[in-house]
Amino acid sequence: VQLQAYGGGLVQPGGSLRLSCAASGFQVPYYYIGWFRQAPGKEREWISCIKNIHDVRDYEDSVRSRFTVSTDSAKNTAYLQMNNLKPEDTGIYYCARLSEMYTEGPNCLRWVDRYDYWGQGTQVTVSS
């Protein structure tokens, strides 16, 4: 099982980025895929997740109206579309797969330690 997150960069406030999380070794639609953010000097925090086969999507309140999570089964990839970016969105963004022991649950889980496979992270910097 491997995850590779990419697509980060430098963007001005109000701009957009789309992050990708390419997966191998499992089928993305059948698992919860979480997105996390770690700002400088802060702990890693959950911001979104998706389980496509059950049409489950969830967002942290500060990104709910600006970010959209999705998957592409053919490419076995998850995406995080980020619009109207703010300086406080700056950080390293990670994608991760929820542990199989929680896969059949009805909801996204927000705790970092429930996720067992992680991508390497991609830097997002929002600055003018």
C-alpha atoms as a PDB file:
ATOM      1  CA  VAL A   1       0.000   0.000   0.000  1.00  0.00           C
ATOM      2  CA  GLN A   2       1.340   3.376  -1.005  1.00  0.00           C
ATOM      3  CA  LEU A   3      -0.034   6.906  -1.177  1.00  0.00           C
ATOM      4  CA  GLN A   4       1.587   9.825  -2.922  1.00  0.00           C
ATOM      5  CA  ALA A   5       0.327  13.348  -2.365  1.00  0.00           C
ATOM      6  CA  TYR A   6       1.235  16.113  -4.777  1.00  0.00           C
ATOM      7  CA  GLY A   7      -0.025  19.356  -6.257  1.00  0.00           C
ATOM      8  CA  GLY A   8       0.969  21.824  -3.580  1.00  0.00           C
ATOM      9  CA  GLY A   9       2.609  25.152  -4.260  1.00  0.00           C
ATOM     10  CA  LEU A  10       2.622  28.862  -3.608  1.00  0.00           C
ATOM     11  CA  VAL A  11      -0.665  30.661  -4.189  1.00  0.00           C
ATOM     12  CA  GLN A  12      -2.019  34.102  -3.408  1.00  0.00           C
ATOM     13  CA  PRO A  13      -4.909  34.576  -0.984  1.00  0.00           C
ATOM     14  CA  GLY A  14      -8.155  33.879  -2.771  1.00  0.00           C
ATOM     15  CA  GLY A  15      -6.484  31.470  -5.170  1.00  0.00           C
ATOM     16  CA  SER A  16      -7.051  27.778  -5.777  1.00  0.00           C
ATOM     17  CA  LEU A  17      -5.080  24.558  -5.805  1.00  0.00           C
ATOM     18  CA  ARG A  18      -5.990  20.948  -6.414  1.00  0.00           C
ATOM     19  CA  LEU A  19      -4.115  18.332  -4.458  1.00  0.00           C
ATOM     20  CA  SER A  20      -3.912  14.765  -5.682  1.00  0.00           C
ATOM     21  CA  CYS A  21      -3.367  11.568  -3.741  1.00  0.00           C
ATOM     22  CA  ALA A  22      -2.351   8.699  -5.988  1.00  0.00           C
ATOM     23  CA  ALA A  23      -2.849   5.303  -4.375  1.00  0.00           C
ATOM     24  CA  SER A  24      -1.535   1.822  -5.105  1.00  0.00           C
ATOM     25  CA  GLY A  25      -2.074  -1.533  -3.458  1.00  0.00           C
ATOM     26  CA  PHE A  26      -5.752  -0.973  -2.721  1.00  0.00           C
ATOM     27  CA  GLN A  27      -8.854   0.455  -4.357  1.00  0.00           C
ATOM     28  CA  VAL A  28      -9.519   4.021  -3.268  1.00  0.00           C
ATOM     29  CA  PRO A  29     -13.348   3.953  -3.576  1.00  0.00           C
ATOM     30  CA  TYR A  30     -13.655   1.216  -0.931  1.00  0.00           C
ATOM     31  CA  TYR A  31     -11.687   2.958   1.802  1.00  0.00           C
ATOM     32  CA  TYR A  32     -11.901   6.172   3.762  1.00  0.00           C
ATOM     33  CA  ILE A  33      -9.254   8.560   2.488  1.00  0.00           C
ATOM     34  CA  GLY A  34      -8.463  11.412   4.830  1.00  0.00           C
ATOM     35  CA  TRP A  35      -6.771  14.720   4.199  1.00  0.00           C
ATOM     36  CA  PHE A  36      -4.744  16.348   6.944  1.00  0.00           C
ATOM     37  CA  ARG A  37      -2.880  19.597   7.330  1.00  0.00           C
ATOM     38  CA  GLN A  38       0.077  20.459   9.532  1.00  0.00           C
ATOM     39  CA  ALA A  39       0.798  24.137   9.973  1.00  0.00           C
ATOM     40  CA  PRO A  40       4.228  25.259  11.170  1.00  0.00           C
ATOM     41  CA  GLY A  41       4.608  24.587  14.873  1.00  0.00           C
ATOM     42  CA  LYS A  42       1.225  22.899  15.147  1.00  0.00           C
ATOM     43  CA  GLU A  43      -0.081  19.379  15.333  1.00  0.00           C
ATOM     44  CA  ARG A  44      -1.403  17.597  12.308  1.00  0.00           C
ATOM     45  CA  GLU A  45      -5.145  18.191  11.966  1.00  0.00           C
ATOM     46  CA  TRP A  46      -7.860  16.455  10.016  1.00  0.00           C
ATOM     47  CA  ILE A  47      -9.587  18.573   7.392  1.00  0.00           C
ATOM     48  CA  SER A  48     -11.570  16.234   5.158  1.00  0.00           C
ATOM     49  CA  CYS A  49     -12.296  12.664   4.158  1.00  0.00           C
ATOM     50  CA  ILE A  50     -14.173  10.634   1.600  1.00  0.00           C
ATOM     51  CA  LYS A  51     -15.405   7.131   1.084  1.00  0.00           C
ATOM     52  CA  ASN A  52     -16.670   7.094  -2.434  1.00  0.00           C
ATOM     53  CA  ILE A  53     -18.523   3.800  -2.512  1.00  0.00           C
ATOM     54  CA  HIS A  54     -20.829   4.952   0.305  1.00  0.00           C
ATOM     55  CA  ASP A  55     -20.876   8.579  -0.856  1.00  0.00           C
ATOM     56  CA  VAL A  56     -19.521   9.795   2.465  1.00  0.00           C
ATOM     57  CA  ARG A  57     -17.788  13.146   2.565  1.00  0.00           C
ATOM     58  CA  ASP A  58     -16.980  15.299   5.542  1.00  0.00           C
ATOM     59  CA  TYR A  59     -15.095  18.517   6.197  1.00  0.00           C
ATOM     60  CA  GLU A  60     -13.650  20.434   9.060  1.00  0.00           C
ATOM     61  CA  ASP A  61     -15.738  23.548   9.621  1.00  0.00           C
ATOM     62  CA  SER A  62     -13.102  26.064   8.524  1.00  0.00           C
ATOM     63  CA  VAL A  63     -12.829  24.502   5.051  1.00  0.00           C
ATOM     64  CA  ARG A  64     -16.357  23.187   4.511  1.00  0.00           C
ATOM     65  CA  SER A  65     -17.506  25.909   2.121  1.00  0.00           C
ATOM     66  CA  ARG A  66     -14.176  26.197   0.285  1.00  0.00           C
ATOM     67  CA  PHE A  67     -12.746  22.690  -0.167  1.00  0.00           C
ATOM     68  CA  THR A  68     -14.164  19.758  -2.103  1.00  0.00           C
ATOM     69  CA  VAL A  69     -12.967  16.184  -1.834  1.00  0.00           C
ATOM     70  CA  SER A  70     -13.444  13.653  -4.622  1.00  0.00           C
ATOM     71  CA  THR A  71     -12.033  10.488  -6.148  1.00  0.00           C
ATOM     72  CA  ASP A  72     -11.372   9.097  -9.609  1.00  0.00           C
ATOM     73  CA  SER A  73     -11.764   5.327  -9.657  1.00  0.00           C
ATOM     74  CA  ALA A  74     -10.062   4.910 -13.013  1.00  0.00           C
ATOM     75  CA  LYS A  75      -6.962   6.701 -11.777  1.00  0.00           C
ATOM     76  CA  ASN A  76      -7.265   5.309  -8.218  1.00  0.00           C
ATOM     77  CA  THR A  77      -6.674   8.817  -6.980  1.00  0.00           C
ATOM     78  CA  ALA A  78      -8.281  11.118  -4.434  1.00  0.00           C
ATOM     79  CA  TYR A  79      -8.386  14.873  -4.852  1.00  0.00           C
ATOM     80  CA  LEU A  80      -8.771  17.904  -2.645  1.00  0.00           C
ATOM     81  CA  GLN A  81      -9.924  20.974  -4.525  1.00  0.00           C
ATOM     82  CA  MET A  82      -9.132  24.049  -2.465  1.00  0.00           C
ATOM     83  CA  ASN A  83     -10.726  27.362  -3.370  1.00  0.00           C
ATOM     84  CA  ASN A  84     -10.589  30.812  -1.806  1.00  0.00           C
ATOM     85  CA  LEU A  85      -7.385  29.909  -0.016  1.00  0.00           C
ATOM     86  CA  LYS A  86      -6.381  31.888   3.039  1.00  0.00           C
ATOM     87  CA  PRO A  87      -2.984  32.411   4.700  1.00  0.00           C
ATOM     88  CA  GLU A  88      -4.127  30.188   7.568  1.00  0.00           C
ATOM     89  CA  ASP A  89      -4.438  27.304   5.091  1.00  0.00           C
ATOM     90  CA  THR A  90      -0.651  27.248   4.817  1.00  0.00           C
ATOM     91  CA  GLY A  91       0.921  23.965   5.808  1.00  0.00           C
ATOM     92  CA  ILE A  92       1.972  20.537   4.704  1.00  0.00           C
ATOM     93  CA  TYR A  93      -0.963  18.547   3.400  1.00  0.00           C
ATOM     94  CA  TYR A  94      -1.108  14.799   3.768  1.00  0.00           C
ATOM     95  CA  CYS A  95      -3.455  12.136   2.515  1.00  0.00           C
ATOM     96  CA  ALA A  96      -3.918   8.930   4.447  1.00  0.00           C
ATOM     97  CA  ARG A  97      -5.945   5.744   4.433  1.00  0.00           C
ATOM     98  CA  LEU A  98      -8.149   4.902   7.384  1.00  0.00           C
ATOM     99  CA  SER A  99      -7.189   1.621   9.012  1.00  0.00           C
ATOM    100  CA  GLU A 100      -9.088  -1.396   7.722  1.00  0.00           C
ATOM    101  CA  MET A 101     -10.559  -2.062  11.162  1.00  0.00           C
ATOM    102  CA  TYR A 102     -12.648   1.101  10.743  1.00  0.00           C
ATOM    103  CA  THR A 103     -13.431   0.742   7.043  1.00  0.00           C
ATOM    104  CA  GLU A 104     -17.002  -0.507   7.528  1.00  0.00           C
ATOM    105  CA  GLY A 105     -17.964   2.300   9.890  1.00  0.00           C
ATOM    106  CA  PRO A 106     -20.519   4.859   8.701  1.00  0.00           C
ATOM    107  CA  ASN A 107     -18.510   7.994   9.358  1.00  0.00           C
ATOM    108  CA  CYS A 108     -15.175   9.605   8.713  1.00  0.00           C
ATOM    109  CA  LEU A 109     -12.818   9.491  11.674  1.00  0.00           C
ATOM    110  CA  ARG A 110     -10.726  12.517  12.537  1.00  0.00           C
ATOM    111  CA  TRP A 111      -8.047  11.045  14.760  1.00  0.00           C
ATOM    112  CA  VAL A 112      -4.603  10.833  13.234  1.00  0.00           C
ATOM    113  CA  ASP A 113      -3.821   7.505  14.884  1.00  0.00           C
ATOM    114  CA  ARG A 114      -6.744   5.790  13.126  1.00  0.00           C
ATOM    115  CA  TYR A 115      -4.973   6.137   9.786  1.00  0.00           C
ATOM    116  CA  ASP A 116      -2.306   3.580   8.948  1.00  0.00           C
ATOM    117  CA  TYR A 117      -0.913   4.538   5.553  1.00  0.00           C
ATOM    118  CA  TRP A 118       0.249   8.045   4.737  1.00  0.00           C
ATOM    119  CA  GLY A 119       1.463   9.953   1.744  1.00  0.00           C
ATOM    120  CA  GLN A 120       4.643  11.968   2.034  1.00  0.00           C
ATOM    121  CA  GLY A 121       2.974  15.373   2.213  1.00  0.00           C
ATOM    122  CA  THR A 122       2.880  18.341  -0.116  1.00  0.00           C
ATOM    123  CA  GLN A 123       3.553  21.940   0.898  1.00  0.00           C
ATOM    124  CA  VAL A 124       0.856  24.568   0.406  1.00  0.00           C
ATOM    125  CA  THR A 125       1.811  28.183   1.007  1.00  0.00           C
ATOM    126  CA  VAL A 126      -0.785  30.936   0.785  1.00  0.00           C
ATOM    127  CA  SER A 127       0.872  34.302   0.705  1.00  0.00           C
ATOM    128  CA  SER A 128       0.849  37.535  -1.216  1.00  0.00           C
END
